[in-house]
Amino acid sequence: MPKDDDAERVANSASSLYRYSGVGLTFAVSILLFAGLGWWLDERLGTSPWLLLVGVFTGFPLALYSLVRKFAPRPPASQGPASPEDRSSRRPPPSQR
């Protein structure tokens, strides 16, 4: 049914939109949070602009790390112990040759 395919495509598009916009917001909020903390500390301690810069240069790598973790390919989950066929095809350790 074409209508079911269209509904599924719209649902997948909406899911992708929410996923990517969430990542963008996380990236921006991380940087702004650390920059804001640095600015606030600068105002309190009179060290302007040094703690603001520290906040920005701390928030950006953390936001980038979060972005990479979200989109990096993950290795497949382990399926448990290897089957006997898999074990027989492997070479034995040097001590057992």
PDB file of N, CA and C in Angstrom:
ATOM      1  N   MET A   1       0.835  -1.185   0.000  1.00  0.00           N
ATOM      2  CA  MET A   1       0.000   0.000   0.000  1.00  0.00           C
ATOM      3  C   MET A   1       0.877   1.244   0.000  1.00  0.00           C
ATOM      4  N   PRO A   2       0.662   2.114  -0.948  1.00  0.00           N
ATOM      5  CA  PRO A   2       1.485   3.319  -1.029  1.00  0.00           C
ATOM      6  C   PRO A   2       1.329   4.244   0.169  1.00  0.00           C
ATOM      7  N   LYS A   3       0.143   4.309   0.750  1.00  0.00           N
ATOM      8  CA  LYS A   3      -0.062   5.214   1.883  1.00  0.00           C
ATOM      9  C   LYS A   3       0.740   4.768   3.093  1.00  0.00           C
ATOM     10  N   ASP A   4       0.857   3.464   3.288  1.00  0.00           N
ATOM     11  CA  ASP A   4       1.655   2.955   4.402  1.00  0.00           C
ATOM     12  C   ASP A   4       3.128   3.289   4.217  1.00  0.00           C
ATOM     13  N   ASP A   5       3.627   3.193   2.972  1.00  0.00           N
ATOM     14  CA  ASP A   5       5.016   3.534   2.687  1.00  0.00           C
ATOM     15  C   ASP A   5       5.276   5.013   2.942  1.00  0.00           C
ATOM     16  N   ASP A   6       4.330   5.855   2.540  1.00  0.00           N
ATOM     17  CA  ASP A   6       4.476   7.291   2.758  1.00  0.00           C
ATOM     18  C   ASP A   6       4.474   7.623   4.246  1.00  0.00           C
ATOM     19  N   ALA A   7       3.600   6.982   5.003  1.00  0.00           N
ATOM     20  CA  ALA A   7       3.525   7.232   6.445  1.00  0.00           C
ATOM     21  C   ALA A   7       4.818   6.790   7.126  1.00  0.00           C
ATOM     22  N   GLU A   8       5.357   5.665   6.697  1.00  0.00           N
ATOM     23  CA  GLU A   8       6.611   5.180   7.279  1.00  0.00           C
ATOM     24  C   GLU A   8       7.773   6.115   6.940  1.00  0.00           C
ATOM     25  N   ARG A   9       7.784   6.618   5.720  1.00  0.00           N
ATOM     26  CA  ARG A   9       8.840   7.543   5.307  1.00  0.00           C
ATOM     27  C   ARG A   9       8.777   8.851   6.101  1.00  0.00           C
ATOM     28  N   VAL A  10       7.562   9.346   6.325  1.00  0.00           N
ATOM     29  CA  VAL A  10       7.387  10.570   7.111  1.00  0.00           C
ATOM     30  C   VAL A  10       7.832  10.341   8.552  1.00  0.00           C
ATOM     31  N   ALA A  11       7.474   9.190   9.108  1.00  0.00           N
ATOM     32  CA  ALA A  11       7.873   8.876  10.484  1.00  0.00           C
ATOM     33  C   ALA A  11       9.390   8.778  10.596  1.00  0.00           C
ATOM     34  N   ASN A  12      10.054   8.156   9.617  1.00  0.00           N
ATOM     35  CA  ASN A  12      11.514   8.064   9.634  1.00  0.00           C
ATOM     36  C   ASN A  12      12.156   9.432   9.483  1.00  0.00           C
ATOM     37  N   SER A  13      11.576  10.283   8.640  1.00  0.00           N
ATOM     38  CA  SER A  13      12.111  11.636   8.456  1.00  0.00           C
ATOM     39  C   SER A  13      11.996  12.443   9.746  1.00  0.00           C
ATOM     40  N   ALA A  14      10.856  12.326  10.405  1.00  0.00           N
ATOM     41  CA  ALA A  14      10.659  13.054  11.662  1.00  0.00           C
ATOM     42  C   ALA A  14      11.622  12.550  12.726  1.00  0.00           C
ATOM     43  N   SER A  15      11.831  11.249  12.767  1.00  0.00           N
ATOM     44  CA  SER A  15      12.769  10.674  13.733  1.00  0.00           C
ATOM     45  C   SER A  15      14.182  11.193  13.494  1.00  0.00           C
ATOM     46  N   SER A  16      14.597  11.238  12.231  1.00  0.00           N
ATOM     47  CA  SER A  16      15.927  11.753  11.894  1.00  0.00           C
ATOM     48  C   SER A  16      16.045  13.234  12.243  1.00  0.00           C
ATOM     49  N   LEU A  17      14.977  13.980  11.980  1.00  0.00           N
ATOM     50  CA  LEU A  17      14.988  15.408  12.294  1.00  0.00           C
ATOM     51  C   LEU A  17      15.193  15.632  13.783  1.00  0.00           C
ATOM     52  N   TYR A  18      14.470  14.898  14.605  1.00  0.00           N
ATOM     53  CA  TYR A  18      14.612  15.050  16.051  1.00  0.00           C
ATOM     54  C   TYR A  18      16.006  14.630  16.512  1.00  0.00           C
ATOM     55  N   ARG A  19      16.517  13.564  15.923  1.00  0.00           N
ATOM     56  CA  ARG A  19      17.848  13.077  16.317  1.00  0.00           C
ATOM     57  C   ARG A  19      18.918  14.117  16.003  1.00  0.00           C
ATOM     58  N   TYR A  20      18.900  14.634  14.784  1.00  0.00           N
ATOM     59  CA  TYR A  20      19.939  15.582  14.388  1.00  0.00           C
ATOM     60  C   TYR A  20      19.780  16.936  15.063  1.00  0.00           C
ATOM     61  N   SER A  21      18.555  17.394  15.263  1.00  0.00           N
ATOM     62  CA  SER A  21      18.383  18.677  15.951  1.00  0.00           C
ATOM     63  C   SER A  21      18.795  18.546  17.414  1.00  0.00           C
ATOM     64  N   GLY A  22      18.566  17.389  18.009  1.00  0.00           N
ATOM     65  CA  GLY A  22      19.004  17.166  19.381  1.00  0.00           C
ATOM     66  C   GLY A  22      20.516  17.206  19.507  1.00  0.00           C
ATOM     67  N   VAL A  23      21.207  16.647  18.524  1.00  0.00           N
ATOM     68  CA  VAL A  23      22.666  16.667  18.531  1.00  0.00           C
ATOM     69  C   VAL A  23      23.171  18.101  18.384  1.00  0.00           C
ATOM     70  N   GLY A  24      22.556  18.863  17.499  1.00  0.00           N
ATOM     71  CA  GLY A  24      22.948  20.261  17.319  1.00  0.00           C
ATOM     72  C   GLY A  24      22.733  21.087  18.581  1.00  0.00           C
ATOM     73  N   LEU A  25      21.603  20.864  19.213  1.00  0.00           N
ATOM     74  CA  LEU A  25      21.331  21.591  20.457  1.00  0.00           C
ATOM     75  C   LEU A  25      22.305  21.193  21.558  1.00  0.00           C
ATOM     76  N   THR A  26      22.618  19.920  21.655  1.00  0.00           N
ATOM     77  CA  THR A  26      23.588  19.464  22.655  1.00  0.00           C
ATOM     78  C   THR A  26      24.942  20.112  22.416  1.00  0.00           C
ATOM     79  N   PHE A  27      25.353  20.176  21.155  1.00  0.00           N
ATOM     80  CA  PHE A  27      26.629  20.796  20.802  1.00  0.00           C
ATOM     81  C   PHE A  27      26.653  22.265  21.227  1.00  0.00           C
ATOM     82  N   ALA A  28      25.604  23.002  20.846  1.00  0.00           N
ATOM     83  CA  ALA A  28      25.553  24.433  21.162  1.00  0.00           C
ATOM     84  C   ALA A  28      25.447  24.684  22.665  1.00  0.00           C
ATOM     85  N   VAL A  29      24.625  23.920  23.349  1.00  0.00           N
ATOM     86  CA  VAL A  29      24.431  24.130  24.794  1.00  0.00           C
ATOM     87  C   VAL A  29      25.717  23.818  25.555  1.00  0.00           C
ATOM     88  N   SER A  30      26.463  22.799  25.133  1.00  0.00           N
ATOM     89  CA  SER A  30      27.724  22.480  25.810  1.00  0.00           C
ATOM     90  C   SER A  30      28.696  23.651  25.735  1.00  0.00           C
ATOM     91  N   ILE A  31      28.842  24.203  24.562  1.00  0.00           N
ATOM     92  CA  ILE A  31      29.765  25.331  24.396  1.00  0.00           C
ATOM     93  C   ILE A  31      29.262  26.544  25.181  1.00  0.00           C
ATOM     94  N   LEU A  32      27.982  26.857  25.055  1.00  0.00           N
ATOM     95  CA  LEU A  32      27.431  28.025  25.749  1.00  0.00           C
ATOM     96  C   LEU A  32      27.470  27.871  27.264  1.00  0.00           C
ATOM     97  N   LEU A  33      27.248  26.669  27.745  1.00  0.00           N
ATOM     98  CA  LEU A  33      27.286  26.430  29.188  1.00  0.00           C
ATOM     99  C   LEU A  33      28.683  26.686  29.751  1.00  0.00           C
ATOM    100  N   PHE A  34      29.698  26.131  29.108  1.00  0.00           N
ATOM    101  CA  PHE A  34      31.062  26.341  29.596  1.00  0.00           C
ATOM    102  C   PHE A  34      31.519  27.792  29.395  1.00  0.00           C
ATOM    103  N   ALA A  35      31.125  28.399  28.285  1.00  0.00           N
ATOM    104  CA  ALA A  35      31.472  29.805  28.073  1.00  0.00           C
ATOM    105  C   ALA A  35      30.777  30.684  29.112  1.00  0.00           C
ATOM    106  N   GLY A  36      29.515  30.399  29.397  1.00  0.00           N
ATOM    107  CA  GLY A  36      28.786  31.165  30.408  1.00  0.00           C
ATOM    108  C   GLY A  36      29.381  31.005  31.794  1.00  0.00           C
ATOM    109  N   LEU A  37      29.790  29.789  32.118  1.00  0.00           N
ATOM    110  CA  LEU A  37      30.444  29.549  33.407  1.00  0.00           C
ATOM    111  C   LEU A  37      31.759  30.328  33.493  1.00  0.00           C
ATOM    112  N   GLY A  38      32.524  30.314  32.406  1.00  0.00           N
ATOM    113  CA  GLY A  38      33.776  31.078  32.376  1.00  0.00           C
ATOM    114  C   GLY A  38      33.541  32.575  32.507  1.00  0.00           C
ATOM    115  N   TRP A  39      32.517  33.079  31.824  1.00  0.00           N
ATOM    116  CA  TRP A  39      32.194  34.505  31.905  1.00  0.00           C
ATOM    117  C   TRP A  39      31.771  34.870  33.322  1.00  0.00           C
ATOM    118  N   TRP A  40      30.927  34.025  33.944  1.00  0.00           N
ATOM    119  CA  TRP A  40      30.460  34.287  35.302  1.00  0.00           C
ATOM    120  C   TRP A  40      31.634  34.309  36.288  1.00  0.00           C
ATOM    121  N   LEU A  41      32.536  33.338  36.141  1.00  0.00           N
ATOM    122  CA  LEU A  41      33.714  33.316  37.020  1.00  0.00           C
ATOM    123  C   LEU A  41      34.618  34.519  36.771  1.00  0.00           C
ATOM    124  N   ASP A  42      34.757  34.936  35.508  1.00  0.00           N
ATOM    125  CA  ASP A  42      35.537  36.137  35.199  1.00  0.00           C
ATOM    126  C   ASP A  42      34.965  37.364  35.905  1.00  0.00           C
ATOM    127  N   GLU A  43      33.655  37.499  35.879  1.00  0.00           N
ATOM    128  CA  GLU A  43      33.002  38.634  36.543  1.00  0.00           C
ATOM    129  C   GLU A  43      33.239  38.595  38.051  1.00  0.00           C
ATOM    130  N   ARG A  44      33.189  37.425  38.648  1.00  0.00           N
ATOM    131  CA  ARG A  44      33.366  37.287  40.094  1.00  0.00           C
ATOM    132  C   ARG A  44      34.820  37.491  40.518  1.00  0.00           C
ATOM    133  N   LEU A  45      35.745  36.971  39.713  1.00  0.00           N
ATOM    134  CA  LEU A  45      37.157  36.981  40.103  1.00  0.00           C
ATOM    135  C   LEU A  45      37.966  38.096  39.460  1.00  0.00           C
ATOM    136  N   GLY A  46      37.382  38.809  38.500  1.00  0.00           N
ATOM    137  CA  GLY A  46      38.089  39.896  37.827  1.00  0.00           C
ATOM    138  C   GLY A  46      39.223  39.413  36.933  1.00  0.00           C
ATOM    139  N   THR A  47      39.067  38.289  36.303  1.00  0.00           N
ATOM    140  CA  THR A  47      40.124  37.726  35.461  1.00  0.00           C
ATOM    141  C   THR A  47      39.785  37.797  33.982  1.00  0.00           C
ATOM    142  N   SER A  48      38.877  38.676  33.609  1.00  0.00           N
ATOM    143  CA  SER A  48      38.382  38.749  32.242  1.00  0.00           C
ATOM    144  C   SER A  48      39.526  38.888  31.240  1.00  0.00           C
ATOM    145  N   PRO A  49      39.532  38.251  30.147  1.00  0.00           N
ATOM    146  CA  PRO A  49      38.635  37.262  29.549  1.00  0.00           C
ATOM    147  C   PRO A  49      39.142  35.829  29.694  1.00  0.00           C
ATOM    148  N   TRP A  50      40.065  35.590  30.586  1.00  0.00           N
ATOM    149  CA  TRP A  50      40.775  34.311  30.616  1.00  0.00           C
ATOM    150  C   TRP A  50      39.892  33.112  30.931  1.00  0.00           C
ATOM    151  N   LEU A  51      39.037  33.219  31.910  1.00  0.00           N
ATOM    152  CA  LEU A  51      38.195  32.064  32.235  1.00  0.00           C
ATOM    153  C   LEU A  51      37.101  31.847  31.185  1.00  0.00           C
ATOM    154  N   LEU A  52      36.687  32.913  30.513  1.00  0.00           N
ATOM    155  CA  LEU A  52      35.775  32.760  29.384  1.00  0.00           C
ATOM    156  C   LEU A  52      36.440  31.933  28.289  1.00  0.00           C
ATOM    157  N   LEU A  53      37.686  32.257  27.993  1.00  0.00           N
ATOM    158  CA  LEU A  53      38.427  31.494  26.974  1.00  0.00           C
ATOM    159  C   LEU A  53      38.632  30.046  27.405  1.00  0.00           C
ATOM    160  N   VAL A  54      38.944  29.851  28.663  1.00  0.00           N
ATOM    161  CA  VAL A  54      39.093  28.474  29.166  1.00  0.00           C
ATOM    162  C   VAL A  54      37.768  27.733  29.014  1.00  0.00           C
ATOM    163  N   GLY A  55      36.658  28.393  29.316  1.00  0.00           N
ATOM    164  CA  GLY A  55      35.344  27.771  29.172  1.00  0.00           C
ATOM    165  C   GLY A  55      35.033  27.386  27.739  1.00  0.00           C
ATOM    166  N   VAL A  56      35.324  28.289  26.804  1.00  0.00           N
ATOM    167  CA  VAL A  56      35.078  27.995  25.388  1.00  0.00           C
ATOM    168  C   VAL A  56      35.969  26.851  24.916  1.00  0.00           C
ATOM    169  N   PHE A  57      37.256  26.910  25.282  1.00  0.00           N
ATOM    170  CA  PHE A  57      38.189  25.881  24.823  1.00  0.00           C
ATOM    171  C   PHE A  57      38.044  24.566  25.597  1.00  0.00           C
ATOM    172  N   THR A  58      37.237  24.553  26.618  1.00  0.00           N
ATOM    173  CA  THR A  58      36.875  23.300  27.285  1.00  0.00           C
ATOM    174  C   THR A  58      35.555  22.783  26.733  1.00  0.00           C
ATOM    175  N   GLY A  59      34.606  23.657  26.523  1.00  0.00           N
ATOM    176  CA  GLY A  59      33.292  23.255  26.031  1.00  0.00           C
ATOM    177  C   GLY A  59      33.316  22.725  24.613  1.00  0.00           C
ATOM    178  N   PHE A  60      34.140  23.320  23.753  1.00  0.00           N
ATOM    179  CA  PHE A  60      34.168  22.877  22.360  1.00  0.00           C
ATOM    180  C   PHE A  60      34.667  21.440  22.212  1.00  0.00           C
ATOM    181  N   PRO A  61      35.805  21.071  22.810  1.00  0.00           N
ATOM    182  CA  PRO A  61      36.226  19.662  22.667  1.00  0.00           C
ATOM    183  C   PRO A  61      35.241  18.680  23.298  1.00  0.00           C
ATOM    184  N   LEU A  62      34.633  19.057  24.411  1.00  0.00           N
ATOM    185  CA  LEU A  62      33.648  18.163  25.023  1.00  0.00           C
ATOM    186  C   LEU A  62      32.420  17.999  24.129  1.00  0.00           C
ATOM    187  N   ALA A  63      31.993  19.095  23.508  1.00  0.00           N
ATOM    188  CA  ALA A  63      30.857  19.018  22.587  1.00  0.00           C
ATOM    189  C   ALA A  63      31.221  18.185  21.361  1.00  0.00           C
ATOM    190  N   LEU A  64      32.436  18.348  20.868  1.00  0.00           N
ATOM    191  CA  LEU A  64      32.896  17.572  19.724  1.00  0.00           C
ATOM    192  C   LEU A  64      32.986  16.090  20.074  1.00  0.00           C
ATOM    193  N   TYR A  65      33.472  15.786  21.260  1.00  0.00           N
ATOM    194  CA  TYR A  65      33.544  14.400  21.724  1.00  0.00           C
ATOM    195  C   TYR A  65      32.148  13.780  21.781  1.00  0.00           C
ATOM    196  N   SER A  66      31.198  14.534  22.279  1.00  0.00           N
ATOM    197  CA  SER A  66      29.823  14.053  22.345  1.00  0.00           C
ATOM    198  C   SER A  66      29.276  13.787  20.940  1.00  0.00           C
ATOM    199  N   LEU A  67      29.586  14.664  20.012  1.00  0.00           N
ATOM    200  CA  LEU A  67      29.141  14.502  18.633  1.00  0.00           C
ATOM    201  C   LEU A  67      29.747  13.258  17.995  1.00  0.00           C
ATOM    202  N   VAL A  68      31.036  13.045  18.202  1.00  0.00           N
ATOM    203  CA  VAL A  68      31.716  11.881  17.627  1.00  0.00           C
ATOM    204  C   VAL A  68      31.163  10.594  18.229  1.00  0.00           C
ATOM    205  N   ARG A  69      30.950  10.582  19.530  1.00  0.00           N
ATOM    206  CA  ARG A  69      30.391   9.384  20.176  1.00  0.00           C
ATOM    207  C   ARG A  69      29.006   9.050  19.643  1.00  0.00           C
ATOM    208  N   LYS A  70      28.228  10.087  19.321  1.00  0.00           N
ATOM    209  CA  LYS A  70      26.876   9.864  18.832  1.00  0.00           C
ATOM    210  C   LYS A  70      26.875   9.235  17.437  1.00  0.00           C
ATOM    211  N   PHE A  71      27.805   9.640  16.570  1.00  0.00           N
ATOM    212  CA  PHE A  71      27.770   9.212  15.180  1.00  0.00           C
ATOM    213  C   PHE A  71      28.862   8.223  14.787  1.00  0.00           C
ATOM    214  N   ALA A  72      29.755   7.887  15.689  1.00  0.00           N
ATOM    215  CA  ALA A  72      30.812   6.932  15.353  1.00  0.00           C
ATOM    216  C   ALA A  72      30.205   5.544  15.185  1.00  0.00           C
ATOM    217  N   PRO A  73      30.694   4.796  14.197  1.00  0.00           N
ATOM    218  CA  PRO A  73      30.171   3.430  14.047  1.00  0.00           C
ATOM    219  C   PRO A  73      30.572   2.581  15.241  1.00  0.00           C
ATOM    220  N   ARG A  74      29.656   1.768  15.676  1.00  0.00           N
ATOM    221  CA  ARG A  74      29.909   0.900  16.827  1.00  0.00           C
ATOM    222  C   ARG A  74      30.182  -0.511  16.338  1.00  0.00           C
ATOM    223  N   PRO A  75      31.106  -1.199  16.987  1.00  0.00           N
ATOM    224  CA  PRO A  75      31.328  -2.593  16.603  1.00  0.00           C
ATOM    225  C   PRO A  75      30.107  -3.431  16.965  1.00  0.00           C
ATOM    226  N   PRO A  76      29.883  -4.512  16.220  1.00  0.00           N
ATOM    227  CA  PRO A  76      28.721  -5.344  16.543  1.00  0.00           C
ATOM    228  C   PRO A  76      28.852  -5.954  17.927  1.00  0.00           C
ATOM    229  N   ALA A  77      27.715  -6.168  18.549  1.00  0.00           N
ATOM    230  CA  ALA A  77      27.706  -6.754  19.891  1.00  0.00           C
ATOM    231  C   ALA A  77      28.233  -8.180  19.826  1.00  0.00           C
ATOM    232  N   SER A  78      28.892  -8.594  20.867  1.00  0.00           N
ATOM    233  CA  SER A  78      29.432  -9.942  20.921  1.00  0.00           C
ATOM    234  C   SER A  78      28.284 -10.944  20.970  1.00  0.00           C
ATOM    235  N   GLN A  79      28.441 -12.029  20.270  1.00  0.00           N
ATOM    236  CA  GLN A  79      27.401 -13.043  20.207  1.00  0.00           C
ATOM    237  C   GLN A  79      27.622 -14.167  21.215  1.00  0.00           C
ATOM    238  N   GLY A  80      28.521 -13.970  22.154  1.00  0.00           N
ATOM    239  CA  GLY A  80      28.806 -15.009  23.135  1.00  0.00           C
ATOM    240  C   GLY A  80      29.996 -15.843  22.699  1.00  0.00           C
ATOM    241  N   PRO A  81      30.176 -17.018  23.294  1.00  0.00           N
ATOM    242  CA  PRO A  81      31.330 -17.846  22.948  1.00  0.00           C
ATOM    243  C   PRO A  81      31.254 -18.318  21.503  1.00  0.00           C
ATOM    244  N   ALA A  82      32.416 -18.497  20.929  1.00  0.00           N
ATOM    245  CA  ALA A  82      32.488 -18.934  19.537  1.00  0.00           C
ATOM    246  C   ALA A  82      31.969 -20.352  19.399  1.00  0.00           C
ATOM    247  N   SER A  83      31.397 -20.644  18.244  1.00  0.00           N
ATOM    248  CA  SER A  83      30.899 -21.991  17.987  1.00  0.00           C
ATOM    249  C   SER A  83      32.074 -22.934  17.752  1.00  0.00           C
ATOM    250  N   PRO A  84      31.886 -24.253  17.848  1.00  0.00           N
ATOM    251  CA  PRO A  84      32.986 -25.202  17.624  1.00  0.00           C
ATOM    252  C   PRO A  84      33.605 -25.054  16.238  1.00  0.00           C
ATOM    253  N   GLU A  85      32.797 -24.718  15.234  1.00  0.00           N
ATOM    254  CA  GLU A  85      33.348 -24.546  13.885  1.00  0.00           C
ATOM    255  C   GLU A  85      34.319 -23.373  13.843  1.00  0.00           C
ATOM    256  N   ASP A  86      33.978 -22.284  14.538  1.00  0.00           N
ATOM    257  CA  ASP A  86      34.853 -21.118  14.568  1.00  0.00           C
ATOM    258  C   ASP A  86      36.154 -21.450  15.283  1.00  0.00           C
ATOM    259  N   ARG A  87      36.061 -22.194  16.356  1.00  0.00           N
ATOM    260  CA  ARG A  87      37.261 -22.524  17.126  1.00  0.00           C
ATOM    261  C   ARG A  87      38.194 -23.441  16.341  1.00  0.00           C
ATOM    262  N   SER A  88      37.632 -24.344  15.533  1.00  0.00           N
ATOM    263  CA  SER A  88      38.490 -25.283  14.800  1.00  0.00           C
ATOM    264  C   SER A  88      39.245 -24.604  13.675  1.00  0.00           C
ATOM    265  N   SER A  89      38.734 -23.492  13.164  1.00  0.00           N
ATOM    266  CA  SER A  89      39.415 -22.815  12.062  1.00  0.00           C
ATOM    267  C   SER A  89      40.555 -21.926  12.545  1.00  0.00           C
ATOM    268  N   ARG A  90      40.614 -21.646  13.818  1.00  0.00           N
ATOM    269  CA  ARG A  90      41.693 -20.814  14.356  1.00  0.00           C
ATOM    270  C   ARG A  90      42.942 -21.646  14.577  1.00  0.00           C
ATOM    271  N   ARG A  91      44.057 -20.976  14.476  1.00  0.00           N
ATOM    272  CA  ARG A  91      45.328 -21.650  14.753  1.00  0.00           C
ATOM    273  C   ARG A  91      45.532 -21.731  16.258  1.00  0.00           C
ATOM    274  N   PRO A  92      46.066 -22.833  16.724  1.00  0.00           N
ATOM    275  CA  PRO A  92      46.324 -22.936  18.173  1.00  0.00           C
ATOM    276  C   PRO A  92      47.474 -22.014  18.577  1.00  0.00           C
ATOM    277  N   PRO A  93      47.529 -21.641  19.854  1.00  0.00           N
ATOM    278  CA  PRO A  93      48.634 -20.798  20.311  1.00  0.00           C
ATOM    279  C   PRO A  93      49.969 -21.511  20.084  1.00  0.00           C
ATOM    280  N   PRO A  94      51.073 -20.749  19.994  1.00  0.00           N
ATOM    281  CA  PRO A  94      52.384 -21.341  19.718  1.00  0.00           C
ATOM    282  C   PRO A  94      52.778 -22.421  20.711  1.00  0.00           C
ATOM    283  N   SER A  95      52.351 -22.333  21.937  1.00  0.00           N
ATOM    284  CA  SER A  95      52.737 -23.320  22.936  1.00  0.00           C
ATOM    285  C   SER A  95      52.092 -24.691  22.668  1.00  0.00           C
ATOM    286  N   GLN A  96      51.038 -24.750  21.855  1.00  0.00           N
ATOM    287  CA  GLN A  96      50.336 -26.002  21.607  1.00  0.00           C
ATOM    288  C   GLN A  96      50.630 -26.571  20.207  1.00  0.00           C
ATOM    289  N   ARG A  97      51.550 -25.982  19.451  1.00  0.00           N
ATOM    290  CA  ARG A  97      51.856 -26.466  18.103  1.00  0.00           C
ATOM    291  C   ARG A  97      52.836 -27.573  18.129  1.00  0.00           C
TER     292      ARG A  97
END
